[in-house]
């Protein structure tokens, strides 16, 4: 992946790794950061620890 720095618009590489752990669970890693992401049956993120959790209707 690449990221674009603002305001200079420099393009920089961003090394990322995604490892399948089991159905509905993937480990994302970039540099020292690691997080296990949870997906639903349709491939949408349900839980991204330390970043977001999908809300459901009551």
N, C-alpha and C. Protein backbone atom coordinates (compact mmCIF):
# COMPACT_ATOMS: atom_id res chain seq x y z
N UNK A 1 0.83 -1.15 0.00
CA UNK A 1 0.00 0.00 0.00
C UNK A 1 0.89 1.23 0.00
N UNK A 2 0.32 2.34 -0.42
CA UNK A 2 1.04 3.61 -0.37
C UNK A 2 0.17 4.62 0.36
N UNK A 3 0.82 5.56 1.00
CA UNK A 3 0.07 6.64 1.63
C UNK A 3 0.59 7.94 1.07
N UNK A 4 -0.29 8.93 1.06
CA UNK A 4 0.07 10.24 0.54
C UNK A 4 0.17 11.20 1.72
N UNK A 5 1.32 11.80 1.87
CA UNK A 5 1.57 12.73 2.95
C UNK A 5 0.99 14.10 2.59
N UNK A 6 0.37 14.74 3.58
CA UNK A 6 -0.20 16.06 3.35
C UNK A 6 0.56 17.05 4.22
N UNK A 7 0.94 18.20 3.79
CA UNK A 7 0.52 18.87 2.56
C UNK A 7 1.48 18.70 1.38
N UNK A 8 2.61 17.98 1.56
CA UNK A 8 3.59 17.91 0.47
C UNK A 8 3.21 16.92 -0.64
N UNK A 9 2.19 16.08 -0.41
CA UNK A 9 1.69 15.11 -1.39
C UNK A 9 2.74 14.08 -1.81
N UNK A 10 3.71 13.84 -0.93
CA UNK A 10 4.72 12.80 -1.20
C UNK A 10 4.07 11.43 -1.02
N UNK A 11 4.36 10.52 -1.93
CA UNK A 11 3.84 9.16 -1.86
C UNK A 11 4.88 8.29 -1.18
N UNK A 12 4.45 7.58 -0.11
CA UNK A 12 5.37 6.75 0.66
C UNK A 12 4.81 5.33 0.78
N UNK A 13 5.66 4.33 0.66
CA UNK A 13 5.16 2.96 0.82
C UNK A 13 4.75 2.69 2.27
N UNK A 14 3.77 1.82 2.44
CA UNK A 14 3.32 1.42 3.77
C UNK A 14 3.20 -0.10 3.76
N UNK A 15 4.16 -0.78 4.39
CA UNK A 15 4.13 -2.25 4.42
C UNK A 15 3.03 -2.73 5.34
N UNK A 16 2.20 -3.63 4.83
CA UNK A 16 1.10 -4.18 5.59
C UNK A 16 1.02 -5.67 5.32
N UNK A 17 0.63 -6.42 6.36
CA UNK A 17 0.46 -7.86 6.23
C UNK A 17 -0.91 -8.24 6.80
N UNK A 18 -1.62 -9.09 6.07
CA UNK A 18 -2.90 -9.61 6.53
C UNK A 18 -2.78 -11.13 6.60
N UNK A 19 -3.04 -11.72 7.76
CA UNK A 19 -2.90 -13.15 7.96
C UNK A 19 -4.26 -13.74 8.35
N UNK A 20 -4.72 -14.72 7.58
CA UNK A 20 -5.98 -15.39 7.89
C UNK A 20 -5.79 -16.25 9.14
N UNK A 21 -6.63 -16.02 10.15
CA UNK A 21 -6.54 -16.79 11.39
C UNK A 21 -7.60 -17.89 11.44
N UNK A 22 -8.81 -17.55 11.00
CA UNK A 22 -9.92 -18.49 10.92
C UNK A 22 -11.05 -17.75 10.20
N UNK A 23 -12.11 -18.42 9.84
CA UNK A 23 -13.20 -17.71 9.17
C UNK A 23 -13.67 -16.51 10.02
N UNK A 24 -13.73 -15.35 9.39
CA UNK A 24 -14.18 -14.16 10.08
C UNK A 24 -13.14 -13.45 10.91
N UNK A 25 -11.89 -13.90 10.87
CA UNK A 25 -10.84 -13.30 11.70
C UNK A 25 -9.54 -13.18 10.89
N UNK A 26 -8.99 -11.96 10.85
CA UNK A 26 -7.75 -11.68 10.12
C UNK A 26 -6.85 -10.84 11.01
N UNK A 27 -5.56 -11.11 11.00
CA UNK A 27 -4.60 -10.30 11.75
C UNK A 27 -3.96 -9.30 10.79
N UNK A 28 -4.05 -8.03 11.15
CA UNK A 28 -3.43 -6.95 10.39
C UNK A 28 -2.15 -6.56 11.11
N UNK A 29 -1.06 -6.37 10.36
CA UNK A 29 0.20 -5.94 10.95
C UNK A 29 0.85 -4.91 10.04
N UNK A 30 1.38 -3.87 10.67
CA UNK A 30 2.12 -2.83 9.96
C UNK A 30 3.11 -2.24 10.95
N UNK A 31 4.39 -2.43 10.69
CA UNK A 31 5.42 -1.97 11.63
C UNK A 31 5.25 -2.69 12.96
N UNK A 32 5.18 -1.93 14.05
CA UNK A 32 5.00 -2.52 15.38
C UNK A 32 3.54 -2.73 15.75
N UNK A 33 2.62 -2.26 14.89
CA UNK A 33 1.19 -2.35 15.19
C UNK A 33 0.62 -3.69 14.73
N UNK A 34 -0.19 -4.32 15.58
CA UNK A 34 -0.87 -5.57 15.27
C UNK A 34 -2.30 -5.48 15.79
N UNK A 35 -3.25 -6.03 15.03
CA UNK A 35 -4.63 -6.05 15.48
C UNK A 35 -5.38 -7.17 14.79
N UNK A 36 -6.20 -7.92 15.54
CA UNK A 36 -7.01 -8.99 14.97
C UNK A 36 -8.39 -8.42 14.64
N UNK A 37 -8.74 -8.42 13.36
CA UNK A 37 -9.98 -7.85 12.88
C UNK A 37 -11.04 -8.93 12.76
N UNK A 38 -12.28 -8.59 13.10
CA UNK A 38 -13.39 -9.53 13.00
C UNK A 38 -14.33 -9.06 11.89
N UNK A 39 -14.73 -9.99 11.00
CA UNK A 39 -15.61 -9.69 9.88
C UNK A 39 -16.89 -10.51 9.98
N UNK A 40 -17.97 -9.99 9.38
CA UNK A 40 -19.20 -10.77 9.33
C UNK A 40 -19.19 -11.65 8.07
N UNK A 41 -20.29 -12.37 7.84
CA UNK A 41 -20.37 -13.32 6.72
C UNK A 41 -20.28 -12.62 5.36
N UNK A 42 -20.61 -11.33 5.32
CA UNK A 42 -20.57 -10.59 4.06
C UNK A 42 -19.24 -9.86 3.84
N UNK A 43 -18.31 -9.99 4.78
CA UNK A 43 -17.00 -9.39 4.64
C UNK A 43 -16.87 -7.99 5.21
N UNK A 44 -17.89 -7.52 5.94
CA UNK A 44 -17.81 -6.21 6.57
C UNK A 44 -17.17 -6.32 7.95
N UNK A 45 -16.39 -5.30 8.31
CA UNK A 45 -15.72 -5.30 9.61
C UNK A 45 -16.75 -5.14 10.73
N UNK A 46 -16.68 -6.04 11.71
CA UNK A 46 -17.53 -6.00 12.89
C UNK A 46 -16.77 -5.36 14.05
N UNK A 47 -15.49 -5.71 14.19
CA UNK A 47 -14.68 -5.18 15.29
C UNK A 47 -13.24 -4.98 14.82
N UNK A 48 -12.76 -3.76 15.04
CA UNK A 48 -11.37 -3.42 14.77
C UNK A 48 -10.84 -2.86 16.08
N UNK A 49 -10.27 -3.72 16.96
CA UNK A 49 -9.85 -3.29 18.29
C UNK A 49 -9.01 -2.02 18.26
N UNK A 50 -9.26 -1.16 19.21
CA UNK A 50 -8.57 0.12 19.39
C UNK A 50 -8.94 1.15 18.33
N UNK A 51 -9.88 0.79 17.42
CA UNK A 51 -10.25 1.75 16.39
C UNK A 51 -11.77 1.89 16.25
N UNK A 52 -12.47 0.78 16.05
CA UNK A 52 -13.92 0.88 15.80
C UNK A 52 -14.63 -0.44 16.07
N UNK A 53 -15.90 -0.32 16.44
CA UNK A 53 -16.81 -1.47 16.59
C UNK A 53 -18.10 -1.10 15.90
N UNK A 54 -18.61 -2.00 15.08
CA UNK A 54 -19.86 -1.72 14.38
C UNK A 54 -21.02 -1.70 15.36
N UNK A 55 -21.86 -0.72 15.22
CA UNK A 55 -23.07 -0.63 16.03
C UNK A 55 -24.18 -1.41 15.36
N UNK A 56 -25.06 -1.99 16.15
CA UNK A 56 -26.20 -2.71 15.60
C UNK A 56 -27.49 -2.04 16.06
N UNK A 57 -28.53 -2.21 15.26
CA UNK A 57 -29.84 -1.64 15.63
C UNK A 57 -30.38 -2.36 16.84
N UNK A 58 -31.12 -1.62 17.66
CA UNK A 58 -31.70 -2.23 18.87
C UNK A 58 -33.07 -2.76 18.60
